[in-house]
Amino acid sequence: MSDLTLTEMACAVLNTADADAKTALSRDYARQWFEARKAGTPIPVGTANPPLQPARPDKPALLNPRDVPRRRPGTEAGRKAILHAVAHIELNAVDLHWDIIARFGHIPMPIGFYDDWVKSADEESKHFGLVSGCLERMGSFYGDLDAHAGMWRAAEDTAEDLLGRLAVVPMVLEARGLDVTPGMIEIYEAAGDTHAVEALRVIYAEEVGHVAYGSKWFHFLCGRYDKDPKDVFHELVQTYFHGPLKPPFNEEKRAEAGLPPDFYWPLAEVNS
C-alpha cells in the first residue's frame, strides 16, 4: 500500500507520460483507495500542486482540431481513426478525473466526491484498455495516428473554478459522448466488429454515471452557495465552453444522468 495521499496519487498519474503506464497506475491507485476505504483505514485526501498539463507520450502528435483529417466510417481506415480518437478521449478523461481530485483537494467536499471521481478515473482507464485492444486487432495502436490538441483546454480554463470544471467537463463534454456513441455503435455493428461494439457499449453504459457525478456535485455546490443550478450552468458554459452545444441530444440518457433539457437546449439556441 502506498504512503501517498490521494492528491499525491492523482499527481503521480498526471505526471506519467506513457499511456499504458498511466492507466495501469490509475487502476492500481483506485484499487488502493477503495480497499483502504473498505478496511476502515481511508487514505488521506491531502492537497497537491498538479501540473497545468499532464505528461503525454511522444505520439500521437497533437494537432489543431481543424487540421485533424476527417474520419470516413465506411472504410476500415476510417473506423480505425474513430477508435483512435475514442482512445485519445478516454486517456484525456483519465487525466481529467484525477486532475479534479488533485486541483481541488483544498476545497472541503464529502468523501463521496472522491469516491466518484476515483471510480470514474478507474473506468476511463479500463475504457482506454478496451479500445486499445480493438486497435491492436486492427493492426494499429494508440499513437499510430495524429490526435486532437484541444481536449485539455477545458481543464486549463477551469483550473481555478470547481463549478466551472463540473459544468464543462462531465456535464458538457462527457454528455456529448452520450449523444454520439449510439451512432458509433451502429457503425461497428454494420462492419461486424463485435469487439468494438462490446467496448463501446461498456463505455456508453458507464459514461452515464460520469455525467451523473458531475450533475450531482454541481447541484451540491450550488446548494452550498445558495445559487440556482440552471442559471449558474448557463453562465459557466457560456464563459468556458468555446462554441455551441450541438444537437441532436440524447435526451433519455441525459435525463438519466440528471441533465434536464432546460439546461442544454437554451444554450444550443442562444449560441447557434
Protein backbone atom coordinates (compact mmCIF):
# COMPACT_ATOMS: atom_id res chain seq x y z
CA MET A 1 0.00 0.00 0.00
CA SER A 2 1.34 3.42 -0.99
CA ASP A 3 2.10 6.09 1.62
CA LEU A 4 0.89 8.82 -0.73
CA THR A 5 -2.18 10.94 -0.13
CA LEU A 6 -4.96 10.75 -2.73
CA THR A 7 -3.99 14.08 -4.27
CA GLU A 8 -0.36 12.92 -4.48
CA MET A 9 -1.56 9.75 -6.22
CA ALA A 10 -3.50 11.94 -8.64
CA CYS A 11 -0.38 13.97 -9.43
CA ALA A 12 1.62 10.78 -9.99
CA VAL A 13 -0.89 9.69 -12.64
CA LEU A 14 -0.87 13.14 -14.24
CA ASN A 15 2.94 13.12 -14.38
CA THR A 16 3.14 9.67 -16.04
CA ALA A 17 3.65 10.06 -19.81
CA ASP A 18 3.28 6.53 -21.19
CA ALA A 19 -0.40 5.76 -21.82
CA ASP A 20 -0.30 2.14 -20.68
CA ALA A 21 1.72 3.02 -17.58
CA LYS A 22 -0.62 5.92 -16.80
CA THR A 23 -3.76 3.78 -16.98
CA ALA A 24 -2.15 0.91 -15.04
CA LEU A 25 -1.11 3.31 -12.27
CA SER A 26 -4.59 4.85 -12.29
CA ARG A 27 -6.22 1.46 -11.80
CA ASP A 28 -3.76 0.48 -9.06
CA TYR A 29 -4.38 3.68 -7.11
CA ALA A 30 -8.14 3.29 -7.48
CA ARG A 31 -7.87 -0.25 -6.09
CA GLN A 32 -5.81 1.02 -3.15
CA TRP A 33 -8.28 3.83 -2.44
CA PHE A 34 -11.29 1.54 -2.29
CA GLU A 35 -9.52 -1.24 -0.41
CA ALA A 36 -8.44 1.26 2.25
CA ARG A 37 -11.96 2.67 2.46
CA LYS A 38 -13.40 -0.82 2.87
CA ALA A 39 -10.84 -1.67 5.58
CA GLY A 40 -11.78 1.44 7.54
CA THR A 41 -8.33 3.00 7.10
CA PRO A 42 -9.01 5.61 4.42
CA ILE A 43 -6.18 7.25 2.54
CA PRO A 44 -5.96 10.99 3.40
CA VAL A 45 -7.05 13.32 0.60
CA GLY A 46 -4.35 15.92 1.26
CA THR A 47 -3.51 18.77 -1.07
CA ALA A 48 -1.12 18.92 -4.01
CA ASN A 49 0.20 21.08 -6.84
CA PRO A 50 -0.74 19.32 -10.07
CA PRO A 51 0.87 20.24 -13.40
CA LEU A 52 -1.10 22.60 -15.61
CA GLN A 53 -0.86 19.97 -18.35
CA PRO A 54 -0.48 16.19 -17.89
CA ALA A 55 2.53 14.31 -19.17
CA ARG A 56 1.94 12.84 -22.62
CA PRO A 57 3.68 10.22 -24.77
CA ASP A 58 5.71 11.36 -27.79
CA LYS A 59 2.97 10.05 -30.05
CA PRO A 60 0.31 10.86 -31.09
CA ALA A 61 1.20 14.25 -32.48
CA LEU A 62 -1.40 16.73 -31.20
CA LEU A 63 -2.86 18.93 -33.94
CA ASN A 64 -5.15 21.91 -34.09
CA PRO A 65 -8.69 20.46 -34.33
CA ARG A 66 -9.07 21.97 -37.83
CA ASP A 67 -6.01 20.01 -39.01
CA VAL A 68 -7.17 16.55 -37.88
CA PRO A 69 -8.27 14.59 -41.01
CA ARG A 70 -11.98 13.83 -41.29
CA ARG A 71 -12.87 10.24 -40.46
CA ARG A 72 -14.82 8.22 -43.04
CA PRO A 73 -16.72 5.48 -41.18
CA GLY A 74 -17.42 3.46 -44.32
CA THR A 75 -13.78 2.39 -44.61
CA GLU A 76 -11.57 0.30 -42.37
CA ALA A 77 -9.11 3.20 -42.14
CA GLY A 78 -11.96 5.46 -41.07
CA ARG A 79 -13.15 3.01 -38.42
CA LYS A 80 -9.58 2.71 -37.12
CA ALA A 81 -9.38 6.51 -36.96
CA ILE A 82 -12.62 6.70 -34.96
CA LEU A 83 -11.33 4.19 -32.42
CA HIS A 84 -8.04 6.07 -32.18
CA ALA A 85 -9.99 9.24 -31.43
CA VAL A 86 -12.01 7.41 -28.76
CA ALA A 87 -8.80 6.11 -27.16
CA HIS A 88 -7.48 9.68 -27.09
CA ILE A 89 -10.68 10.91 -25.44
CA GLU A 90 -10.53 8.15 -22.82
CA LEU A 91 -6.89 8.87 -21.96
CA ASN A 92 -7.70 12.56 -21.55
CA ALA A 93 -10.63 11.58 -19.34
CA VAL A 94 -8.31 9.60 -17.06
CA ASP A 95 -6.27 12.75 -16.53
CA LEU A 96 -9.34 14.97 -16.18
CA HIS A 97 -10.79 12.84 -13.38
CA TRP A 98 -7.51 12.68 -11.46
CA ASP A 99 -6.98 16.39 -12.07
CA ILE A 100 -10.27 17.37 -10.43
CA ILE A 101 -9.08 15.50 -7.32
CA ALA A 102 -5.57 16.97 -7.34
CA ARG A 103 -6.53 20.52 -8.26
CA PHE A 104 -9.44 20.99 -5.89
CA GLY A 105 -8.33 18.96 -2.87
CA HIS A 106 -8.22 22.18 -0.84
CA ILE A 107 -12.00 22.62 -1.15
CA PRO A 108 -13.83 20.71 1.61
CA MET A 109 -16.01 18.04 -0.01
CA PRO A 110 -17.74 14.88 1.23
CA ILE A 111 -15.77 11.66 0.86
CA GLY A 112 -18.27 10.54 -1.78
CA PHE A 113 -16.92 13.22 -4.12
CA TYR A 114 -13.55 11.45 -4.15
CA ASP A 115 -15.15 8.02 -4.40
CA ASP A 116 -16.99 9.12 -7.54
CA TRP A 117 -14.02 10.60 -9.37
CA VAL A 118 -11.64 7.79 -8.41
CA LYS A 119 -14.22 5.32 -9.74
CA SER A 120 -14.61 7.39 -12.91
CA ALA A 121 -10.83 7.53 -13.44
CA ASP A 122 -10.65 3.75 -12.97
CA GLU A 123 -13.41 3.18 -15.52
CA GLU A 124 -11.84 5.55 -18.05
CA SER A 125 -8.57 3.64 -17.63
CA LYS A 126 -10.45 0.42 -18.36
CA HIS A 127 -12.09 2.04 -21.40
CA PHE A 128 -8.70 3.05 -22.77
CA GLY A 129 -7.53 -0.54 -22.46
CA LEU A 130 -10.64 -1.87 -24.21
CA VAL A 131 -10.27 0.50 -27.15
CA SER A 132 -6.51 -0.09 -27.35
CA GLY A 133 -7.27 -3.80 -27.66
CA CYS A 134 -9.64 -3.07 -30.55
CA LEU A 135 -6.94 -1.02 -32.28
CA GLU A 136 -4.44 -3.86 -31.87
CA ARG A 137 -6.87 -6.27 -33.55
CA MET A 138 -6.92 -3.86 -36.48
CA GLY A 139 -3.11 -3.83 -36.65
CA SER A 140 -2.87 -0.40 -35.04
CA PHE A 141 -2.14 1.17 -31.65
CA TYR A 142 -2.66 4.41 -29.73
CA GLY A 143 -0.20 6.92 -31.17
CA ASP A 144 -0.43 5.46 -34.69
CA LEU A 145 -2.45 8.50 -35.88
CA ASP A 146 -2.49 12.20 -35.09
CA ALA A 147 -4.94 13.46 -32.46
CA HIS A 148 -6.90 16.49 -31.30
CA ALA A 149 -4.89 19.05 -29.29
CA GLY A 150 -7.84 20.95 -27.86
CA MET A 151 -9.15 18.46 -25.31
CA TRP A 152 -7.22 19.80 -22.33
CA ARG A 153 -8.37 23.38 -22.94
CA ALA A 154 -11.42 22.96 -20.71
CA ALA A 155 -9.18 21.83 -17.84
CA GLU A 156 -6.88 24.82 -18.22
CA ASP A 157 -9.77 27.27 -18.50
CA THR A 158 -11.39 25.94 -15.31
CA ALA A 159 -8.20 25.34 -13.31
CA GLU A 160 -9.40 27.67 -10.54
CA ASP A 161 -13.16 27.09 -10.76
CA LEU A 162 -14.58 23.78 -9.49
CA LEU A 163 -18.15 24.65 -10.50
CA GLY A 164 -16.88 25.58 -13.95
CA ARG A 165 -14.96 22.31 -14.23
CA LEU A 166 -18.05 20.28 -13.30
CA ALA A 167 -20.20 22.20 -15.76
CA VAL A 168 -17.89 21.93 -18.74
CA VAL A 169 -16.21 18.53 -18.41
CA PRO A 170 -18.81 15.98 -17.25
CA MET A 171 -21.96 18.00 -17.99
CA VAL A 172 -20.97 19.19 -21.50
CA LEU A 173 -18.04 17.19 -22.89
CA GLU A 174 -18.94 13.80 -21.42
CA ALA A 175 -22.63 14.40 -22.05
CA ARG A 176 -21.69 14.83 -25.72
CA GLY A 177 -20.41 11.27 -25.61
CA LEU A 178 -23.91 10.11 -24.71
CA ASP A 179 -25.17 11.81 -27.86
CA VAL A 180 -22.66 10.34 -30.33
CA THR A 181 -21.83 6.87 -29.01
CA PRO A 182 -25.04 5.13 -30.22
CA GLY A 183 -24.17 6.16 -33.79
CA MET A 184 -20.64 4.81 -33.38
CA ILE A 185 -22.01 1.51 -32.12
CA GLU A 186 -24.14 1.25 -35.28
CA ILE A 187 -21.05 1.82 -37.47
CA TYR A 188 -19.19 -1.12 -35.91
CA GLU A 189 -22.29 -3.32 -35.86
CA ALA A 190 -22.64 -2.76 -39.61
CA ALA A 191 -18.95 -3.64 -40.06
CA GLY A 192 -19.31 -6.80 -37.96
CA ASP A 193 -16.67 -5.67 -35.45
CA THR A 194 -18.07 -7.31 -32.32
CA HIS A 195 -15.07 -6.35 -30.16
CA ALA A 196 -15.53 -2.65 -30.91
CA VAL A 197 -19.28 -2.92 -30.34
CA GLU A 198 -18.76 -4.54 -26.93
CA ALA A 199 -16.16 -1.94 -25.93
CA LEU A 200 -18.36 0.97 -26.97
CA ARG A 201 -21.36 -0.48 -25.14
CA VAL A 202 -19.34 -0.65 -21.92
CA ILE A 203 -18.21 2.94 -22.42
CA TYR A 204 -21.75 4.10 -23.19
CA ALA A 205 -23.22 2.49 -20.08
CA GLU A 206 -20.54 3.80 -17.72
CA GLU A 207 -20.34 7.32 -19.13
CA VAL A 208 -23.91 7.92 -17.92
CA GLY A 209 -22.56 7.58 -14.39
CA HIS A 210 -19.75 10.06 -15.03
CA VAL A 211 -22.18 12.69 -16.29
CA ALA A 212 -24.38 11.94 -13.29
CA TYR A 213 -21.50 12.51 -10.89
CA GLY A 214 -20.89 15.88 -12.49
CA SER A 215 -24.53 16.85 -12.16
CA LYS A 216 -24.74 15.61 -8.57
CA TRP A 217 -21.72 17.56 -7.33
CA PHE A 218 -22.61 20.62 -9.40
CA HIS A 219 -26.02 20.72 -7.70
CA PHE A 220 -24.40 20.04 -4.33
CA LEU A 221 -22.11 23.07 -4.67
CA CYS A 222 -24.91 25.27 -5.99
CA GLY A 223 -26.84 24.35 -2.84
CA ARG A 224 -23.82 25.15 -0.67
CA TYR A 225 -23.51 28.59 -2.28
CA ASP A 226 -27.29 29.15 -2.48
CA LYS A 227 -27.24 29.52 -6.27
CA ASP A 228 -29.75 28.44 -8.91
CA PRO A 229 -28.15 25.46 -10.73
CA LYS A 230 -29.68 26.15 -14.14
CA ASP A 231 -28.69 29.82 -14.19
CA VAL A 232 -25.17 29.03 -12.97
CA PHE A 233 -24.78 26.26 -15.55
CA HIS A 234 -25.79 28.58 -18.39
CA GLU A 235 -23.41 31.29 -17.19
CA LEU A 236 -20.45 28.93 -16.77
CA VAL A 237 -20.90 27.14 -20.09
CA GLN A 238 -21.10 30.47 -21.91
CA THR A 239 -17.94 31.57 -20.08
CA TYR A 240 -15.80 28.47 -20.53
CA PHE A 241 -17.14 26.42 -23.44
CA HIS A 242 -15.96 27.56 -26.85
CA GLY A 243 -18.76 27.01 -29.36
CA PRO A 244 -22.41 25.97 -29.37
CA LEU A 245 -23.91 22.84 -27.82
CA LYS A 246 -24.74 20.76 -30.86
CA PRO A 247 -27.97 18.80 -31.20
CA PRO A 248 -29.25 16.17 -31.63
CA PHE A 249 -29.19 15.44 -27.91
CA ASN A 250 -29.69 12.02 -26.31
CA GLU A 251 -32.43 13.34 -24.06
CA GLU A 252 -33.20 9.95 -22.47
CA LYS A 253 -29.63 9.27 -21.31
CA ARG A 254 -29.05 12.90 -20.37
CA ALA A 255 -32.14 12.79 -18.16
CA GLU A 256 -30.92 9.52 -16.64
CA ALA A 257 -27.70 11.36 -15.76
CA GLY A 258 -29.55 14.28 -14.16
CA LEU A 259 -29.38 16.72 -17.07
CA PRO A 260 -32.86 18.09 -17.90
CA PRO A 261 -33.49 19.66 -21.33
CA ASP A 262 -33.84 23.19 -19.95
CA PHE A 263 -30.14 23.04 -19.02
CA TYR A 264 -28.78 22.47 -22.54
CA TRP A 265 -31.41 23.39 -25.15
CA PRO A 266 -31.34 27.15 -24.38
CA LEU A 267 -27.57 27.15 -24.86
CA ALA A 268 -27.89 25.44 -28.23
CA GLU A 269 -30.44 28.04 -29.31
CA VAL A 270 -28.52 31.04 -27.94
CA ASN A 271 -25.15 30.07 -29.45
CA SER A 272 -26.23 28.71 -32.79
